[in-house]
Amino acid sequence: MIVVTAASGAFGREVLAGLRRRLPGEHIVAPVRRPDGAGDLAAGGFDLRLGDYDRAETMCRAFEGADRVLLVSSPELDVERRVRQHRTALDAARDAGVGRVVCTSFLGADVRSDGAPAAHRLTEGALWDAGLPHTVLRHPFYTEAFGHPGLRVAAADGRTGLGAAASTRHCAAIWRWPPSPCSLAPNTSAAPTTSPETGGPSPTWPTP
């Protein structure tokens, strides 16, 4: 059984649609914070459950019977609260005996602890701490965000990588991940990365 968290959001819905083309709906769990506002997911054949990152008991129930979990990053802007929410979900996944957690992250989270990657870096650390088999999908800024003038300038002079949100959702929906972190764009960071498993350089995975 596969669980896709934050299932009522735009990202989650597109992943669900991709999975639904490959699996019967009853094998796909869709946890949402407000089930009464996601009746269309239940009507679509998905196993609709309550799942609130701020309520540990709901995440435990949401993950019951799960083989794999796609942890879609919380939209919370406060880094401390966002990481706490992710840890709640990861603890629930561990307690439920989930076989693998796939987590959406951000490009550079392996080498940066400030800015956009900050919460993702801490979340990736929590993944290792939890001892869960996992895969990290590190995406760059989405091209869809370039209505923002500052991002348009950064892209124009090469200071940020680009990627389409749809490509990340497609990768998440296929469920064919390697067993280590995977970046969805080339890692241009100068600083070397270290694998917590081996103590050596982290593997570099090609763009899917």
Protein backbone atom coordinates (compact mmCIF):
# COMPACT_ATOMS: atom_id res chain seq x y z
CA MET A 1 0.00 0.00 0.00
CA ILE A 2 1.24 3.48 -0.91
CA VAL A 3 0.50 6.62 1.10
CA VAL A 4 0.72 10.11 -0.41
CA THR A 5 0.60 12.79 2.29
CA ALA A 6 -0.93 16.23 1.77
CA ALA A 7 -3.09 14.47 -0.79
CA SER A 8 -5.58 17.30 -1.28
CA GLY A 9 -2.90 19.77 -2.44
CA ALA A 10 -2.00 20.38 -6.08
CA PHE A 11 1.20 18.32 -5.83
CA GLY A 12 -0.47 15.44 -4.03
CA ARG A 13 -3.41 15.30 -6.41
CA GLU A 14 -1.18 15.02 -9.45
CA VAL A 15 0.88 12.27 -7.85
CA LEU A 16 -2.33 10.42 -7.00
CA ALA A 17 -3.48 10.73 -10.60
CA GLY A 18 -0.18 9.29 -11.81
CA LEU A 19 -0.33 6.39 -9.36
CA ARG A 20 -3.96 5.70 -10.20
CA ARG A 21 -2.92 4.90 -13.77
CA ARG A 22 -0.70 2.15 -12.36
CA LEU A 23 -2.53 0.87 -9.29
CA PRO A 24 -6.08 0.26 -8.10
CA GLY A 25 -7.31 3.09 -5.90
CA GLU A 26 -7.77 0.86 -2.88
CA HIS A 27 -3.99 0.40 -2.75
CA ILE A 28 -3.41 4.15 -2.51
CA VAL A 29 -4.00 6.02 0.77
CA ALA A 30 -4.75 9.74 0.63
CA PRO A 31 -4.35 11.39 4.06
CA VAL A 32 -5.69 14.95 4.29
CA ARG A 33 -6.14 17.46 7.09
CA ARG A 34 -9.83 17.98 6.30
CA PRO A 35 -11.44 14.84 4.85
CA ASP A 36 -14.82 16.57 4.58
CA GLY A 37 -13.31 18.83 1.91
CA ALA A 38 -11.79 16.01 -0.14
CA GLY A 39 -14.80 13.89 -0.94
CA ASP A 40 -13.74 13.76 -4.58
CA LEU A 41 -10.70 11.67 -3.60
CA ALA A 42 -12.90 9.11 -1.87
CA ALA A 43 -15.24 9.15 -4.88
CA GLY A 44 -12.19 8.50 -7.07
CA GLY A 45 -11.56 5.24 -5.25
CA PHE A 46 -8.72 6.31 -2.99
CA ASP A 47 -8.52 5.29 0.68
CA LEU A 48 -9.22 8.71 2.22
CA ARG A 49 -7.89 9.13 5.77
CA LEU A 50 -7.35 11.91 8.28
CA GLY A 51 -3.70 12.97 8.37
CA ASP A 52 -2.59 16.17 10.09
CA TYR A 53 1.13 16.91 10.47
CA ASP A 54 0.38 18.67 13.76
CA ARG A 55 -1.45 15.67 15.24
CA ALA A 56 0.78 12.63 15.66
CA GLU A 57 -2.07 10.22 16.34
CA THR A 58 -3.63 10.97 12.95
CA MET A 59 -0.39 10.29 11.10
CA CYS A 60 0.01 6.95 12.87
CA ARG A 61 -3.43 5.88 11.68
CA ALA A 62 -2.80 7.28 8.21
CA PHE A 63 0.29 5.08 7.80
CA GLU A 64 -1.23 1.83 9.05
CA GLY A 65 -0.52 -0.96 6.57
CA ALA A 66 1.70 1.22 4.36
CA ASP A 67 4.61 -0.23 2.40
CA ARG A 68 5.74 3.14 1.05
CA VAL A 69 5.06 6.74 1.99
CA LEU A 70 5.55 9.83 -0.11
CA LEU A 71 6.10 12.63 2.40
CA VAL A 72 5.13 15.83 0.64
CA SER A 73 6.83 18.75 2.36
CA SER A 74 4.63 20.90 4.58
CA PRO A 75 3.84 24.37 3.21
CA GLU A 76 4.55 25.87 6.64
CA LEU A 77 6.96 28.83 6.37
CA ASP A 78 8.30 28.72 9.92
CA VAL A 79 11.34 26.43 9.75
CA GLU A 80 11.07 25.12 13.31
CA ARG A 81 7.41 24.21 12.99
CA ARG A 82 7.88 22.76 9.51
CA VAL A 83 10.66 20.44 10.66
CA ARG A 84 8.62 19.46 13.72
CA GLN A 85 5.74 18.50 11.42
CA HIS A 86 8.05 16.42 9.26
CA ARG A 87 9.52 14.69 12.33
CA THR A 88 6.02 13.85 13.50
CA ALA A 89 5.30 12.17 10.17
CA LEU A 90 8.65 10.34 10.15
CA ASP A 91 8.15 9.03 13.69
CA ALA A 92 4.71 7.77 12.67
CA ALA A 93 6.18 6.07 9.60
CA ARG A 94 8.83 4.35 11.71
CA ASP A 95 6.29 3.20 14.29
CA ALA A 96 4.00 1.91 11.54
CA GLY A 97 6.82 -0.17 10.04
CA VAL A 98 6.78 1.62 6.68
CA GLY A 99 9.20 0.00 4.22
CA ARG A 100 10.42 3.19 2.51
CA VAL A 101 9.82 6.91 2.82
CA VAL A 102 10.23 9.17 -0.19
CA CYS A 103 10.51 12.82 0.75
CA THR A 104 10.29 15.96 -1.36
CA SER A 105 13.23 18.24 -0.62
CA PHE A 106 15.14 21.12 -2.19
CA LEU A 107 18.28 21.32 -4.29
CA GLY A 108 21.27 22.19 -2.10
CA ALA A 109 19.79 20.79 1.11
CA ASP A 110 22.84 18.54 1.40
CA VAL A 111 25.25 21.49 1.61
CA ARG A 112 23.26 24.54 2.75
CA SER A 113 21.60 25.28 6.09
CA ASP A 114 20.11 28.66 5.25
CA GLY A 115 17.43 30.04 2.96
CA ALA A 116 15.09 27.73 1.06
CA PRO A 117 17.04 24.51 1.83
CA ALA A 118 17.13 25.06 5.62
CA ALA A 119 14.05 23.05 6.66
CA HIS A 120 14.78 20.40 4.04
CA ARG A 121 18.32 19.87 5.32
CA LEU A 122 17.02 19.32 8.84
CA THR A 123 14.32 16.99 7.53
CA GLU A 124 16.87 14.93 5.62
CA GLY A 125 18.85 14.64 8.86
CA ALA A 126 15.70 13.44 10.61
CA LEU A 127 15.30 10.77 7.94
CA TRP A 128 18.71 9.36 8.78
CA ASP A 129 18.01 9.64 12.51
CA ALA A 130 14.77 7.70 12.12
CA GLY A 131 16.65 4.81 10.51
CA LEU A 132 14.10 4.55 7.72
CA PRO A 133 14.98 3.36 4.23
CA HIS A 134 14.40 6.46 2.19
CA THR A 135 14.79 8.40 -1.02
CA VAL A 136 15.02 12.18 -1.26
CA LEU A 137 13.69 14.07 -4.28
CA ARG A 138 15.67 17.32 -4.35
CA HIS A 139 14.03 19.76 -6.71
CA PRO A 140 15.18 23.22 -7.84
CA PHE A 141 12.98 26.31 -8.00
CA TYR A 142 9.92 25.53 -10.07
CA THR A 143 9.61 27.42 -13.32
CA GLU A 144 5.97 28.01 -12.34
CA ALA A 145 7.19 30.35 -9.59
CA PHE A 146 8.73 32.81 -12.02
CA GLY A 147 5.89 35.25 -11.82
CA HIS A 148 8.04 36.67 -9.01
CA PRO A 149 10.36 39.39 -10.44
CA GLY A 150 13.23 38.57 -8.09
CA LEU A 151 13.30 34.97 -9.22
CA ARG A 152 13.20 36.03 -12.85
CA VAL A 153 16.34 38.11 -12.28
CA ALA A 154 18.10 35.28 -10.44
CA ALA A 155 17.30 32.87 -13.26
CA ALA A 156 18.47 35.31 -15.91
CA ASP A 157 21.97 35.62 -14.45
CA GLY A 158 22.30 31.94 -13.60
CA ARG A 159 22.07 32.20 -9.83
CA THR A 160 19.35 29.57 -9.50
CA GLY A 161 18.50 26.25 -11.07
CA LEU A 162 15.18 25.63 -12.74
CA GLY A 163 12.80 22.71 -12.89
CA ALA A 164 9.17 22.09 -13.73
CA ALA A 165 6.87 21.10 -10.88
CA ALA A 166 5.34 18.56 -13.23
CA SER A 167 8.67 16.74 -13.57
CA THR A 168 8.92 16.29 -9.81
CA ARG A 169 5.34 15.05 -9.61
CA HIS A 170 6.02 12.64 -12.46
CA CYS A 171 9.10 11.28 -10.73
CA ALA A 172 7.12 10.85 -7.51
CA ALA A 173 4.30 9.07 -9.31
CA ILE A 174 6.51 6.51 -11.05
CA TRP A 175 7.82 5.06 -7.77
CA ARG A 176 11.09 3.85 -9.30
CA TRP A 177 13.63 5.44 -6.96
CA PRO A 178 17.23 4.49 -6.19
CA PRO A 179 17.92 3.84 -2.50
CA SER A 180 19.73 7.14 -1.86
CA PRO A 181 19.19 10.89 -2.32
CA CYS A 182 18.26 11.93 -5.85
CA SER A 183 18.55 15.45 -7.21
CA LEU A 184 16.19 16.58 -9.94
CA ALA A 185 18.78 18.99 -11.32
CA PRO A 186 22.61 18.98 -11.48
CA ASN A 187 24.24 19.69 -8.14
CA THR A 188 26.50 22.66 -8.78
CA SER A 189 27.56 23.13 -5.15
CA ALA A 190 31.30 23.43 -4.68
CA ALA A 191 31.33 21.86 -1.22
CA PRO A 192 31.65 18.05 -1.12
CA THR A 193 28.87 16.03 0.43
CA THR A 194 29.28 13.09 2.79
CA SER A 195 27.15 10.01 3.05
CA PRO A 196 26.06 9.25 6.64
CA GLU A 197 26.12 5.56 5.69
CA THR A 198 29.71 5.26 4.47
CA GLY A 199 31.48 8.44 5.59
CA GLY A 200 32.54 8.91 1.97
CA PRO A 201 31.21 11.17 -0.78
CA SER A 202 27.48 11.08 -1.34
CA PRO A 203 26.42 9.51 -4.62
CA THR A 204 25.42 11.80 -7.44
CA TRP A 205 22.23 10.72 -9.17
CA PRO A 206 21.36 11.83 -12.67
CA THR A 207 18.31 13.89 -13.47
CA PRO A 208 15.38 11.46 -13.99
